Protein backbone atom coordinates (compact mmCIF):
# COMPACT_ATOMS: atom_id res chain seq x y z
CA MET A 1 100.08 128.17 143.34
CA ARG A 2 99.96 124.73 144.93
CA ALA A 3 99.47 124.13 148.65
CA ASP A 4 103.11 123.12 149.27
CA GLN A 5 104.32 126.24 147.45
CA LEU A 6 101.96 128.46 149.46
CA GLY A 7 103.10 126.84 152.71
CA LEU A 8 106.78 127.34 151.93
CA ARG A 9 106.20 130.92 150.84
CA ALA A 10 104.21 131.63 154.03
CA ARG A 11 107.00 130.14 156.16
CA ALA A 12 109.64 132.24 154.37
CA GLU A 13 107.54 135.38 154.90
CA GLU A 14 107.28 134.53 158.61
CA VAL A 15 111.01 133.86 159.01
CA PHE A 16 112.12 137.02 157.20
CA ARG A 17 109.33 139.35 158.42
CA ASP A 18 111.71 141.31 160.63
CA ALA A 19 114.68 141.25 158.23
CA PRO A 20 114.52 144.67 156.58
CA LEU A 21 117.29 143.94 154.09
CA VAL A 22 115.84 140.64 152.85
CA ARG A 23 113.25 140.83 150.08
CA LEU A 24 111.16 137.89 148.97
CA VAL A 25 110.64 137.94 145.22
CA ALA A 26 108.20 135.93 143.14
CA ASP A 27 110.54 134.95 140.31
CA SER A 28 114.16 133.87 140.28
CA PRO A 29 116.18 136.56 142.05
CA ARG A 30 118.53 138.62 139.88
CA VAL A 31 122.01 139.72 140.89
CA GLY A 32 121.47 142.90 138.89
CA ALA A 33 118.60 143.88 141.20
CA VAL A 34 120.86 143.87 144.28
CA THR A 35 124.17 145.06 142.77
CA GLY A 36 125.54 147.92 144.81
CA SER A 37 123.04 147.43 147.62
CA ALA A 38 122.82 145.75 151.03
CA PHE A 39 119.73 143.76 150.01
CA ALA A 40 119.43 140.01 149.60
CA ASP A 41 116.61 138.87 147.29
CA LEU A 42 115.17 135.41 147.98
CA SER A 43 112.70 133.20 146.20
CA VAL A 44 111.34 129.86 147.34
CA VAL A 45 109.97 127.01 145.26
CA ALA A 46 108.33 123.81 146.46
CA ARG A 47 107.71 120.90 144.14
CA ASP A 48 107.10 117.19 144.77
CA GLY A 49 107.97 117.45 148.45
CA ASN A 50 111.24 119.28 147.85
CA GLY A 51 112.03 122.90 148.58
CA VAL A 52 114.51 125.17 146.86
CA VAL A 53 115.67 128.57 148.10
CA LEU A 54 117.43 130.88 145.65
CA CYS A 55 119.30 133.95 146.83
CA ALA A 56 120.93 136.84 145.01
CA LEU A 57 123.20 139.31 146.79
CA ASP A 58 126.12 141.56 146.06
CA ASN A 59 128.91 140.17 148.22
CA LEU A 60 130.58 143.57 148.36
CA GLY A 61 127.34 145.34 149.24
CA LYS A 62 126.00 142.64 151.55
CA GLY A 63 129.39 141.60 152.87
CA MET A 64 131.32 142.40 156.02
CA ALA A 65 131.29 146.18 155.52
CA THR A 66 127.51 146.26 155.48
CA GLN A 67 127.34 143.91 158.42
CA ALA A 68 129.70 146.21 160.36
CA ILE A 69 127.48 149.23 159.66
CA GLN A 70 124.36 147.27 160.59
CA ASN A 71 125.95 146.15 163.88
CA MET A 72 127.25 149.66 164.64
CA ASN A 73 123.76 151.05 164.11
CA LEU A 74 122.32 148.49 166.53
CA ALA A 75 125.07 149.10 169.11
CA LEU A 76 124.43 152.85 169.01
CA GLY A 77 120.65 152.46 169.26
CA LEU A 78 120.11 153.73 165.72
CA PRO A 79 117.73 152.23 163.17
CA GLU A 80 119.31 149.00 161.89
CA THR A 81 119.09 150.05 158.24
CA LEU A 82 120.38 153.62 158.64
CA GLY A 83 122.51 154.35 155.57
CA LEU A 84 121.87 150.91 154.08
CA ARG A 85 118.52 151.12 152.28
CA ILE A 86 120.12 152.28 149.05
CA PRO A 87 118.53 150.55 146.07
CA GLY A 88 120.62 148.54 143.64
CA ARG A 89 121.56 149.87 140.23
CA TYR A 90 119.12 147.62 138.36
CA PRO A 91 118.36 147.74 135.52
CA GLY A 92 121.36 149.71 134.64
C-alpha cells in the first residue's frame, strides 16, 4: 500500500473508531454483506492525490428505524447497539 493510501486508511480508522455499526473493509464494499443489517461497510482508496470513499448499506436496515432504536438506546442509557448487531444475510 502506498503512503497516501495508508494515510487515508489511518484517518478513516480514527474517524470511525467509535462507530460500532461502521465497518472498514479492504475491498469494495458489497451490499449483500450488509443486507438486513444496521451496518455500513466503507472502503477508502487514495490515488494520485485524490480520495474515494465507497459505502454499502441497506437503507431499510440502516435507515430511520435503526436510527430510532439507536437513539432510544442512548436516551435510556442502554448500549448503543442493543438489538442492532445482527449480521447481514451474506452470502445468502
